Protein backbone atom coordinates (compact mmCIF):
# COMPACT_ATOMS: atom_id res chain seq x y z
CA MET A 1 100.39 68.60 67.52
CA PRO A 2 103.32 69.04 65.06
CA VAL A 3 103.05 67.34 61.67
CA SER A 4 105.67 64.67 61.01
CA PHE A 5 108.42 65.47 58.50
CA ARG A 6 107.89 62.03 56.95
CA HIS A 7 104.97 63.51 55.00
CA ALA A 8 107.42 65.77 53.19
CA LEU A 9 108.78 62.65 51.47
CA ALA A 10 105.50 62.38 49.55
CA GLN A 11 105.81 65.92 48.17
CA GLY A 12 108.45 65.38 45.50
CA PRO A 13 106.39 66.60 42.49
CA ALA A 14 105.19 69.76 44.26
CA VAL A 15 108.66 70.61 45.58
CA ALA A 16 110.17 70.09 42.12
CA ALA A 17 107.49 72.33 40.60
CA LEU A 18 108.22 75.06 43.15
CA GLY A 19 111.90 74.77 42.27
CA ARG A 20 111.16 75.21 38.57
CA VAL A 21 109.13 78.32 39.33
CA ALA A 22 112.01 79.71 41.41
CA LEU A 23 114.49 79.02 38.60
CA SER A 24 112.22 80.73 36.10
CA GLY A 25 112.53 83.88 38.21
CA LEU A 26 116.31 83.83 37.77
CA ARG A 27 116.16 83.74 34.00
CA LYS A 28 115.85 86.82 31.83
CA SER A 29 112.17 87.66 31.54
CA HIS A 30 110.52 87.85 28.15
CA ALA A 31 107.42 89.57 26.92
CA PRO A 32 104.36 87.63 28.14
CA LYS A 33 102.88 85.30 25.57
CA ALA A 34 99.40 86.00 24.32
CA LEU A 35 96.81 83.29 24.92
CA ALA A 36 93.97 82.78 22.47
CA GLY A 37 91.33 80.89 24.43
CA SER A 38 92.29 78.18 26.90
CA GLY A 39 95.68 76.50 26.97
CA PRO A 40 96.34 72.79 26.38
CA TRP A 41 95.59 70.23 29.08
CA ILE A 42 98.48 68.74 31.03
CA GLU A 43 97.41 65.33 32.34
CA ALA A 44 98.70 62.79 34.84
CA ARG A 45 97.62 59.54 36.47
CA LEU A 46 98.68 59.51 40.12
CA PRO A 47 98.63 56.77 42.78
CA PRO A 48 96.21 57.01 45.71
CA ARG A 49 97.26 59.49 48.37
CA PRO A 50 98.92 58.01 51.50
CA PRO A 51 96.15 57.43 54.08
CA GLU A 52 98.28 58.77 56.95
CA LEU A 53 98.93 62.00 55.05
CA VAL A 54 95.23 62.48 54.33
CA ARG A 55 94.32 61.80 57.96
CA ASP A 56 96.90 64.24 59.35
CA TYR A 57 95.97 66.89 56.80
CA ILE A 58 92.28 66.75 57.77
CA ARG A 59 93.15 67.09 61.43
CA HIS A 60 95.60 69.91 60.71
CA VAL A 61 92.96 72.10 59.05
CA GLY A 62 90.37 71.44 61.75
CA GLY A 63 88.34 68.58 60.29
CA ASP A 64 87.50 65.10 61.53
CA PRO A 65 88.83 62.11 59.53
CA ALA A 66 85.61 60.25 60.38
CA TRP A 67 83.75 62.66 58.08
CA TYR A 68 85.83 61.48 55.12
CA ARG A 69 85.57 57.69 55.21
CA ASN A 70 87.17 56.40 51.99
CA ARG A 71 87.07 59.82 50.32
CA LEU A 72 89.43 62.75 49.91
CA PRO A 73 88.75 66.35 50.94
CA ALA A 74 88.25 68.41 47.80
CA HIS A 75 90.35 71.20 49.31
CA LEU A 76 93.38 68.89 49.41
CA PHE A 77 93.65 69.25 45.61
CA PRO A 78 96.80 71.48 45.77
CA GLN A 79 98.72 68.46 47.10
CA TRP A 80 98.30 66.58 43.82
CA GLY A 81 97.43 69.43 41.45
CA PHE A 82 100.09 72.04 42.26
CA ALA A 83 102.78 70.42 40.12
CA LEU A 84 100.59 70.30 36.99
CA ALA A 85 99.31 73.84 37.57
CA ALA A 86 102.87 75.15 37.94
CA GLN A 87 103.95 73.35 34.77
CA ALA A 88 101.19 75.09 32.84
CA LEU A 89 102.52 78.50 33.94
CA LEU A 90 106.10 77.98 32.83
CA GLY A 91 107.08 79.63 29.59
CA LEU A 92 104.45 82.37 29.73
CA GLY A 93 107.04 85.08 30.35
CA TYR A 94 105.52 86.40 33.60
CA PRO A 95 107.58 86.88 36.81
CA LEU A 96 106.12 83.85 38.57
CA THR A 97 108.11 84.40 41.77
CA LYS A 98 105.94 87.49 42.36
CA ALA A 99 102.68 85.54 41.99
CA ILE A 100 100.16 85.91 44.81
CA ASN A 101 97.28 83.56 45.57
CA GLY A 102 94.33 85.58 44.31
CA GLY A 103 91.67 83.08 45.28
CA CYS A 104 90.06 79.83 44.27
CA ARG A 105 86.73 78.33 43.29
CA ILE A 106 86.14 74.67 44.21
CA GLU A 107 83.20 72.74 42.82
CA SER A 108 82.54 69.33 44.35
CA ARG A 109 80.46 67.31 41.91
CA LYS A 110 80.99 63.86 43.42
CA PRO A 111 82.85 62.44 46.44
CA LEU A 112 86.46 61.73 45.44
CA PRO A 113 87.45 58.12 46.30
CA ALA A 114 90.55 57.87 48.48
CA ASP A 115 91.66 54.37 47.49
CA GLN A 116 91.81 54.75 43.71
CA PRO A 117 94.38 56.29 41.32
CA LEU A 118 93.70 59.94 40.56
CA LEU A 119 93.24 61.25 37.03
CA VAL A 120 94.33 64.90 37.14
CA LYS A 121 94.53 67.51 34.41
CA ALA A 122 95.33 71.22 34.46
CA ARG A 123 95.32 74.06 31.98
CA ILE A 124 95.27 77.85 31.77
CA GLU A 125 91.71 79.10 31.30
CA SER A 126 92.39 82.81 30.80
CA ILE A 127 94.86 85.66 31.31
CA ASP A 128 93.67 89.15 32.23
CA ASP A 129 96.61 91.54 31.77
CA ASP A 130 96.05 95.31 31.97
CA GLY A 131 99.73 96.23 32.06
CA TYR A 132 99.71 96.82 35.81
CA ARG A 133 98.88 93.30 36.90
CA ALA A 134 98.08 89.95 35.37
CA VAL A 135 95.41 87.61 36.72
CA ILE A 136 95.94 84.09 35.45
CA THR A 137 93.06 81.66 35.95
CA GLN A 138 93.87 77.95 35.86
CA ARG A 139 91.60 74.93 36.06
CA VAL A 140 92.56 71.71 37.84
CA VAL A 141 90.19 68.78 37.33
CA THR A 142 90.46 65.68 39.52
CA GLY A 143 88.63 62.38 39.20
CA THR A 144 89.05 58.64 38.89
CA GLU A 145 88.15 56.14 36.19
CA LYS A 146 84.80 55.49 37.88
CA VAL A 147 84.20 59.07 39.03
CA PRO A 148 85.52 61.43 36.31
CA GLU A 149 85.61 65.16 37.02
CA ALA A 150 84.66 64.76 40.67
CA VAL A 151 86.35 68.01 41.73
CA ILE A 152 86.91 71.11 39.60
CA ALA A 153 89.10 73.86 41.00
CA ASP A 154 89.75 77.24 39.39
CA LEU A 155 92.85 78.97 40.75
CA ARG A 156 93.55 82.67 40.32
CA ALA A 157 97.17 83.83 40.42
CA PHE A 158 97.70 87.59 40.80
CA ILE A 159 101.01 88.88 39.42
CA PRO A 160 101.93 92.56 39.96
CA LEU A 161 103.68 94.08 36.94
CA ARG A 162 104.05 97.79 37.77
CA LYS A 163 102.57 100.24 40.23
CA LYS A 164 99.40 102.08 39.36
CA GLU A 165 99.43 105.77 40.27
CA ASP A 166 96.71 108.37 40.40
CA ALA A 167 96.73 111.71 38.61
CA ASP A 168 99.03 113.26 41.24
CA GLY A 169 101.65 110.55 40.78
CA LYS A 170 100.81 108.90 44.09
CA LYS A 171 100.14 105.21 44.56
CA ALA A 172 96.40 104.57 44.48
CA PRO A 173 95.06 103.39 47.86
CA LYS A 174 93.66 99.88 48.17
CA ALA A 175 90.15 99.23 49.40
CA ARG A 176 90.12 97.41 52.75
CA SER A 177 88.06 94.22 52.98
CA SER A 178 86.06 93.73 56.17
CA VAL A 179 83.65 91.30 57.80
CA PRO A 180 80.05 92.59 57.51
CA SER A 181 78.43 93.67 60.75
CA ASP A 182 75.54 91.22 60.23
CA ALA A 183 77.78 88.14 59.84
CA HIS A 184 77.90 85.66 62.70
CA GLU A 185 80.77 83.49 63.90
CA ILE A 186 80.66 79.72 63.33
CA ALA A 187 84.24 78.95 64.43
CA PHE A 188 87.12 80.56 66.29
CA LEU A 189 90.57 79.54 65.05
CA ARG A 190 93.79 79.58 67.05
CA ILE A 191 96.57 79.14 64.51
CA PRO A 192 100.18 78.73 65.74
CA ASP A 193 103.24 80.15 64.02
CA THR A 194 104.21 76.60 63.00
CA ALA A 195 101.07 76.19 60.85
CA GLY A 196 102.85 77.32 57.67
CA LEU A 197 105.58 74.72 57.94
CA ASP A 198 103.11 71.98 58.87
CA PHE A 199 100.89 72.82 55.88
CA ALA A 200 103.98 72.71 53.65
CA LYS A 201 104.86 69.22 54.90
CA LEU A 202 101.36 68.05 54.02
CA THR A 203 100.99 69.70 50.60
CA GLY A 204 104.50 70.38 49.28
CA ASP A 205 104.10 74.17 49.08
CA PHE A 206 107.39 75.08 50.74
CA ASN A 207 107.37 78.76 49.82
CA PRO A 208 109.59 80.14 52.63
CA ILE A 209 107.34 83.15 53.37
CA HIS A 210 105.14 80.63 55.19
CA TRP A 211 107.78 79.09 57.48
CA SER A 212 111.00 81.20 57.47
CA LYS A 213 110.68 84.37 59.56
CA ARG A 214 113.85 85.81 58.06
CA TYR A 215 112.63 85.24 54.49
CA ALA A 216 109.15 86.57 55.30
CA ARG A 217 110.62 89.79 56.72
CA ALA A 218 112.85 90.19 53.66
CA ALA A 219 109.69 89.87 51.52
CA GLY A 220 108.07 92.75 53.43
CA PHE A 221 106.00 90.86 56.02
CA ARG A 222 106.29 91.26 59.78
CA THR A 223 106.78 87.51 60.12
CA VAL A 224 105.51 84.31 58.48
CA ILE A 225 102.06 84.27 56.88
CA LEU A 226 99.59 81.44 56.44
CA HIS A 227 99.07 79.78 53.05
CA GLY A 228 95.95 81.03 51.33
CA PHE A 229 94.85 77.44 50.67
CA SER A 230 95.26 76.68 54.38
CA THR A 231 92.96 79.58 55.24
CA LEU A 232 90.45 78.30 52.70
CA ALA A 233 90.63 74.70 53.96
CA ARG A 234 90.08 75.85 57.55
CA SER A 235 87.03 77.87 56.53
CA ILE A 236 85.58 74.83 54.71
CA GLU A 237 86.08 72.61 57.74
CA ALA A 238 84.42 75.30 59.87
CA LEU A 239 81.40 75.00 57.56
CA ASN A 240 81.48 71.21 57.83
CA ARG A 241 81.44 71.42 61.60
CA GLY A 242 79.29 74.47 62.21
CA ARG A 243 76.74 74.29 59.37
CA PHE A 244 76.77 70.80 57.83
CA ALA A 245 76.81 68.55 60.92
CA GLY A 246 80.01 66.84 59.80
CA ASP A 247 78.81 66.01 56.27
CA PRO A 248 81.34 67.37 53.71
CA THR A 249 79.08 66.39 50.79
CA ARG A 250 76.74 69.24 51.73
CA LEU A 251 79.15 71.78 50.24
CA ALA A 252 78.64 71.98 46.48
CA MET A 253 80.78 75.04 45.72
CA ILE A 254 82.91 77.66 47.42
CA ASP A 255 84.52 80.67 45.74
CA ALA A 256 86.87 82.78 47.84
CA LYS A 257 89.64 85.32 47.48
CA MET A 258 92.49 86.10 49.84
CA THR A 259 92.14 89.76 50.72
CA ARG A 260 95.22 90.30 52.91
CA PRO A 261 98.02 88.22 54.47
CA LEU A 262 97.20 86.34 57.68
CA VAL A 263 100.24 86.81 59.90
CA LEU A 264 101.08 83.98 62.31
CA PRO A 265 100.35 83.23 65.08
CA ALA A 266 96.74 84.27 64.66
CA ARG A 267 93.37 84.20 66.38
CA VAL A 268 90.56 84.73 63.91
CA GLY A 269 86.94 83.82 63.38
CA VAL A 270 85.07 82.23 60.50
CA TYR A 271 81.90 84.17 59.77
CA VAL A 272 78.88 83.56 57.54
CA ASN A 273 75.62 85.31 56.74
CA GLY A 274 72.25 84.21 55.47
CA SER A 275 73.13 84.84 51.84
CA GLY A 276 75.95 82.30 51.66
CA GLY A 277 78.74 84.75 52.34
CA ILE A 278 81.82 83.57 54.21
CA TRP A 279 84.72 85.48 55.76
CA VAL A 280 87.80 84.80 57.85
CA GLY A 281 88.51 87.87 59.93
CA ASP A 282 89.06 89.58 63.24
CA ALA A 283 85.44 90.43 64.12
CA PRO A 284 82.23 91.77 62.52
CA GLY A 285 83.17 95.18 61.20
CA GLY A 286 86.86 94.30 61.41
CA GLY A 287 89.36 93.36 58.74
CA ALA A 288 88.95 90.21 56.62
CA TYR A 289 91.69 87.89 55.37
CA LEU A 290 89.38 85.81 53.17
CA GLU A 291 86.00 86.60 51.70
CA GLY A 292 83.78 84.58 49.44
CA HIS A 293 80.52 82.73 49.06
CA PHE A 294 79.39 79.11 49.15
CA GLU A 295 76.53 77.01 47.86
CA MET A 296 74.99 73.95 49.44
CA GLU A 297 74.02 70.83 47.54
CA ALA A 298 70.31 70.86 46.71
CA ARG A 299 68.51 68.00 48.44
CA SER A 300 64.88 66.98 48.32
């Protein structure tokens, strides 16, 4: 079922942040600034999220709104945290328009109330720059006055700087990520080619590679690709349904990286193993689009 465009009206901060990132790419680049330790916190107090938006988002990524009575999905954090995270990146001197979602770690410490104002803060935790690529790790912390630091998310942005070549002057080959042969499927996902635009309406991430076929082809893709955070959210909801009996509080932590673009439309599986590994891929032994690991909340 298509997502209503009315949700896009709630995405002003995220859209504005995306615009600032795009404008930064048009300016003359400068030498990247060095960062000694973590950067300063950027903080905001935000109103409760619209209930209809939260409901439609949960359904869009394969969850059940009944699992989230009066609480927000932790993986919805880009909807309110993207603007602050983008603001923290501006002025560093890196070509932000080339940034790729390198992965994310989400720690759920407490359920996040849905009917209370959100206290959100973001900062740069570290920059790993070897001259060929920069990996910028940011932290977004979300809570409320009664439940501070309920959700902590660490985002990794991968920014290519120049090509790495081997001794013969050829581009070094990339290792191919795959689903282990011993992993078993907990969900099969049928994702339409409209999923990128629908996710953008719900979160504000209107990067056109996710919804404009012409733009995606110009960027080097066959057609539109799914948001990395959408892939992650769908894998979390697969865990909620297939492993946690509809109880989102069972998931204490998930750390995943996006290993290759997921071209839309797509039919993929979510796979896990006994060691807490998780993958989104074609089949055991086949290519993976997401790989990571998760931890369950310890209960007596």
